[in-house]
N, C-alpha and C. Protein backbone atom coordinates (compact mmCIF):
# COMPACT_ATOMS: atom_id res chain seq x y z
N MET A 1 40.48 114.16 105.66
CA MET A 1 40.37 112.77 106.02
C MET A 1 40.35 112.64 107.54
N GLY A 2 41.10 113.47 108.22
CA GLY A 2 41.09 113.43 109.67
C GLY A 2 41.89 112.30 110.29
N GLN A 3 42.73 111.63 109.50
CA GLN A 3 43.54 110.52 110.02
C GLN A 3 44.77 110.34 109.16
N LYS A 4 45.79 109.72 109.72
CA LYS A 4 47.04 109.49 109.00
C LYS A 4 47.00 108.23 108.15
N THR A 5 46.16 107.28 108.54
CA THR A 5 46.12 105.99 107.87
C THR A 5 44.69 105.67 107.44
N VAL A 6 44.57 105.12 106.25
CA VAL A 6 43.28 104.70 105.72
C VAL A 6 43.45 103.29 105.18
N GLU A 7 42.52 102.41 105.50
CA GLU A 7 42.54 101.06 104.95
C GLU A 7 41.43 100.94 103.92
N LEU A 8 41.78 100.36 102.78
CA LEU A 8 40.81 100.15 101.71
C LEU A 8 40.80 98.68 101.33
N ASN A 9 39.63 98.16 101.06
CA ASN A 9 39.51 96.81 100.53
C ASN A 9 39.48 96.93 99.01
N LEU A 10 40.48 96.35 98.37
CA LEU A 10 40.60 96.47 96.93
C LEU A 10 40.31 95.15 96.24
N PRO A 11 39.64 95.22 95.10
CA PRO A 11 39.46 94.00 94.31
C PRO A 11 40.81 93.48 93.82
N ALA A 12 40.90 92.19 93.63
CA ALA A 12 42.14 91.59 93.09
C ALA A 12 42.46 92.25 91.75
N GLY A 13 43.75 92.52 91.54
CA GLY A 13 44.20 93.10 90.29
C GLY A 13 44.16 94.61 90.25
N THR A 14 43.84 95.26 91.36
CA THR A 14 43.80 96.72 91.40
C THR A 14 45.20 97.28 91.22
N THR A 15 45.33 98.27 90.37
CA THR A 15 46.61 98.93 90.14
C THR A 15 46.74 100.16 91.04
N ALA A 16 47.94 100.70 91.09
CA ALA A 16 48.19 101.88 91.91
C ALA A 16 47.30 103.05 91.49
N ILE A 17 47.18 103.32 90.20
CA ILE A 17 46.36 104.44 89.75
C ILE A 17 44.88 104.18 90.03
N GLN A 18 44.46 102.95 89.93
CA GLN A 18 43.07 102.62 90.27
C GLN A 18 42.81 102.86 91.75
N LEU A 19 43.78 102.55 92.59
CA LEU A 19 43.65 102.81 94.02
C LEU A 19 43.45 104.30 94.26
N VAL A 20 44.25 105.13 93.61
CA VAL A 20 44.13 106.58 93.78
C VAL A 20 42.73 107.04 93.36
N ARG A 21 42.25 106.54 92.25
CA ARG A 21 40.91 106.94 91.77
C ARG A 21 39.82 106.47 92.72
N MET A 22 39.97 105.29 93.29
CA MET A 22 39.00 104.78 94.27
C MET A 22 39.04 105.64 95.53
N PHE A 23 40.24 106.01 95.96
CA PHE A 23 40.41 106.83 97.14
C PHE A 23 39.73 108.18 96.95
N VAL A 24 39.94 108.79 95.79
CA VAL A 24 39.33 110.09 95.48
C VAL A 24 37.81 109.98 95.45
N ARG A 25 37.32 108.86 95.01
CA ARG A 25 35.86 108.65 95.01
C ARG A 25 35.32 108.69 96.44
N ASP A 26 36.06 108.09 97.38
CA ASP A 26 35.64 108.06 98.78
C ASP A 26 35.98 109.36 99.52
N TYR A 27 36.99 110.07 99.07
CA TYR A 27 37.44 111.32 99.69
C TYR A 27 37.57 112.39 98.61
N PRO A 28 36.45 112.88 98.09
CA PRO A 28 36.48 113.81 96.94
C PRO A 28 37.27 115.10 97.18
N ALA A 29 37.41 115.52 98.42
CA ALA A 29 38.18 116.73 98.70
C ALA A 29 39.64 116.58 98.30
N MET A 30 40.12 115.35 98.14
CA MET A 30 41.52 115.09 97.79
C MET A 30 41.76 115.06 96.28
N LYS A 31 40.71 115.16 95.49
CA LYS A 31 40.85 115.01 94.04
C LYS A 31 41.86 115.98 93.44
N ALA A 32 41.78 117.25 93.81
CA ALA A 32 42.69 118.25 93.23
C ALA A 32 44.14 117.96 93.58
N GLU A 33 44.38 117.28 94.69
CA GLU A 33 45.75 116.96 95.11
C GLU A 33 46.29 115.69 94.46
N LEU A 34 45.40 114.73 94.21
CA LEU A 34 45.85 113.39 93.81
C LEU A 34 45.63 113.05 92.34
N LEU A 35 44.87 113.86 91.62
CA LEU A 35 44.64 113.59 90.20
C LEU A 35 44.76 114.89 89.41
N ASP A 36 45.42 114.81 88.26
CA ASP A 36 45.48 115.99 87.40
C ASP A 36 44.22 116.03 86.53
N LYS A 37 44.15 116.97 85.61
CA LYS A 37 42.95 117.15 84.78
C LYS A 37 42.65 115.95 83.90
N GLU A 38 43.68 115.15 83.59
CA GLU A 38 43.50 113.96 82.76
C GLU A 38 43.20 112.72 83.59
N GLY A 39 43.14 112.87 84.92
CA GLY A 39 42.86 111.73 85.79
C GLY A 39 44.08 110.90 86.14
N ASN A 40 45.27 111.49 85.95
CA ASN A 40 46.52 110.80 86.27
C ASN A 40 47.09 111.33 87.58
N PHE A 41 47.92 110.52 88.20
CA PHE A 41 48.60 110.93 89.42
C PHE A 41 49.64 111.97 89.04
N PRO A 42 49.64 113.15 89.68
CA PRO A 42 50.57 114.22 89.28
C PRO A 42 52.03 113.89 89.60
N ALA A 43 52.91 114.33 88.72
CA ALA A 43 54.34 114.02 88.84
C ALA A 43 54.96 114.62 90.09
N HIS A 44 54.43 115.73 90.60
CA HIS A 44 55.03 116.36 91.77
C HIS A 44 54.71 115.63 93.08
N MET A 45 53.71 114.74 93.07
CA MET A 45 53.37 113.95 94.25
C MET A 45 54.20 112.66 94.23
N LYS A 46 54.42 112.09 95.38
CA LYS A 46 55.21 110.85 95.47
C LYS A 46 54.33 109.71 95.98
N PHE A 47 54.35 108.59 95.28
CA PHE A 47 53.55 107.41 95.59
C PHE A 47 54.51 106.25 95.81
N PHE A 48 54.46 105.66 97.00
CA PHE A 48 55.36 104.56 97.35
C PHE A 48 54.57 103.28 97.60
N ILE A 49 55.09 102.18 97.10
CA ILE A 49 54.54 100.85 97.35
C ILE A 49 55.61 100.08 98.12
N ASN A 50 55.32 99.76 99.36
CA ASN A 50 56.28 99.06 100.21
C ASN A 50 57.64 99.75 100.24
N GLY A 51 57.62 101.08 100.31
CA GLY A 51 58.84 101.84 100.42
C GLY A 51 59.55 102.12 99.11
N ARG A 52 59.00 101.64 98.00
CA ARG A 52 59.62 101.88 96.69
C ARG A 52 58.77 102.85 95.90
N GLN A 53 59.38 103.88 95.38
CA GLN A 53 58.63 104.89 94.63
C GLN A 53 58.11 104.28 93.33
N ALA A 54 56.81 104.41 93.10
CA ALA A 54 56.16 103.81 91.93
C ALA A 54 56.79 104.28 90.63
N GLU A 55 57.26 105.49 90.62
CA GLU A 55 57.89 106.07 89.42
C GLU A 55 59.05 105.21 88.92
N TYR A 56 59.69 104.46 89.82
CA TYR A 56 60.86 103.66 89.45
C TYR A 56 60.55 102.16 89.32
N LEU A 57 59.31 101.77 89.52
CA LEU A 57 58.91 100.38 89.33
C LEU A 57 58.66 100.12 87.86
N PRO A 58 58.83 98.89 87.38
CA PRO A 58 58.66 98.60 85.95
C PRO A 58 57.31 99.06 85.39
N ASP A 59 56.23 98.86 86.13
CA ASP A 59 54.90 99.23 85.63
C ASP A 59 54.41 100.56 86.20
N MET A 60 55.25 101.25 86.92
CA MET A 60 54.96 102.56 87.53
C MET A 60 53.57 102.55 88.19
N MET A 61 52.70 103.46 87.81
CA MET A 61 51.37 103.55 88.45
C MET A 61 50.42 102.45 87.97
N ASN A 62 50.87 101.62 87.04
CA ASN A 62 50.07 100.47 86.60
C ASN A 62 50.47 99.21 87.34
N THR A 63 51.30 99.35 88.37
CA THR A 63 51.71 98.22 89.19
C THR A 63 50.50 97.65 89.90
N VAL A 64 50.31 96.34 89.81
CA VAL A 64 49.21 95.67 90.49
C VAL A 64 49.56 95.54 91.97
N LEU A 65 48.62 95.91 92.81
CA LEU A 65 48.83 95.89 94.26
C LEU A 65 48.42 94.55 94.86
N ASN A 66 49.09 94.18 95.93
CA ASN A 66 48.77 92.97 96.69
C ASN A 66 48.11 93.38 98.00
N PRO A 67 47.31 92.50 98.59
CA PRO A 67 46.60 92.85 99.84
C PRO A 67 47.51 93.32 100.97
N GLU A 68 48.72 92.81 101.02
CA GLU A 68 49.62 93.16 102.12
C GLU A 68 50.49 94.40 101.84
N ASP A 69 50.35 95.00 100.66
CA ASP A 69 51.16 96.15 100.32
C ASP A 69 50.83 97.36 101.20
N LYS A 70 51.88 98.10 101.51
CA LYS A 70 51.73 99.36 102.25
C LYS A 70 51.96 100.49 101.26
N ILE A 71 51.01 101.40 101.21
CA ILE A 71 51.08 102.53 100.28
C ILE A 71 51.30 103.81 101.08
N ASP A 72 52.21 104.64 100.60
CA ASP A 72 52.44 105.95 101.19
C ASP A 72 52.36 106.98 100.08
N ILE A 73 51.66 108.08 100.36
CA ILE A 73 51.54 109.17 99.40
C ILE A 73 52.03 110.43 100.09
N PHE A 74 52.96 111.13 99.42
CA PHE A 74 53.54 112.34 100.00
C PHE A 74 53.43 113.51 99.04
N PRO A 75 53.08 114.67 99.59
CA PRO A 75 53.10 115.90 98.77
C PRO A 75 54.55 116.36 98.60
N PRO A 76 54.79 117.29 97.67
CA PRO A 76 56.15 117.82 97.55
C PRO A 76 56.55 118.54 98.82
N VAL A 77 57.84 118.46 99.12
CA VAL A 77 58.37 119.10 100.32
C VAL A 77 59.42 120.10 99.89
N GLY A 78 59.36 121.27 100.43
CA GLY A 78 60.34 122.30 100.11
C GLY A 78 60.87 122.93 101.37
N GLY A 79 61.88 123.65 101.23
CA GLY A 79 62.44 124.35 102.37
C GLY A 79 63.94 124.36 102.31
N GLY A 80 64.52 124.81 103.36
CA GLY A 80 65.96 124.91 103.31
C GLY A 80 66.62 124.62 104.60
């Protein structure tokens, strides 16, 4: 991607998983990192909506996004 931040214009009603799929369409090199073989967001990656991990939101990756939402995606981190 060559940048830390990407802005996307999303249609109203776009969900978190739809955003990931749209992102992968625009940045296909990220597909292996952001989608598993079934087209779902992998459990080892972390997806945050306004600082809250989607995994703990009521609708998880089916949460509908708002235009002002800030999304953060993090790979797993290891070390000691």
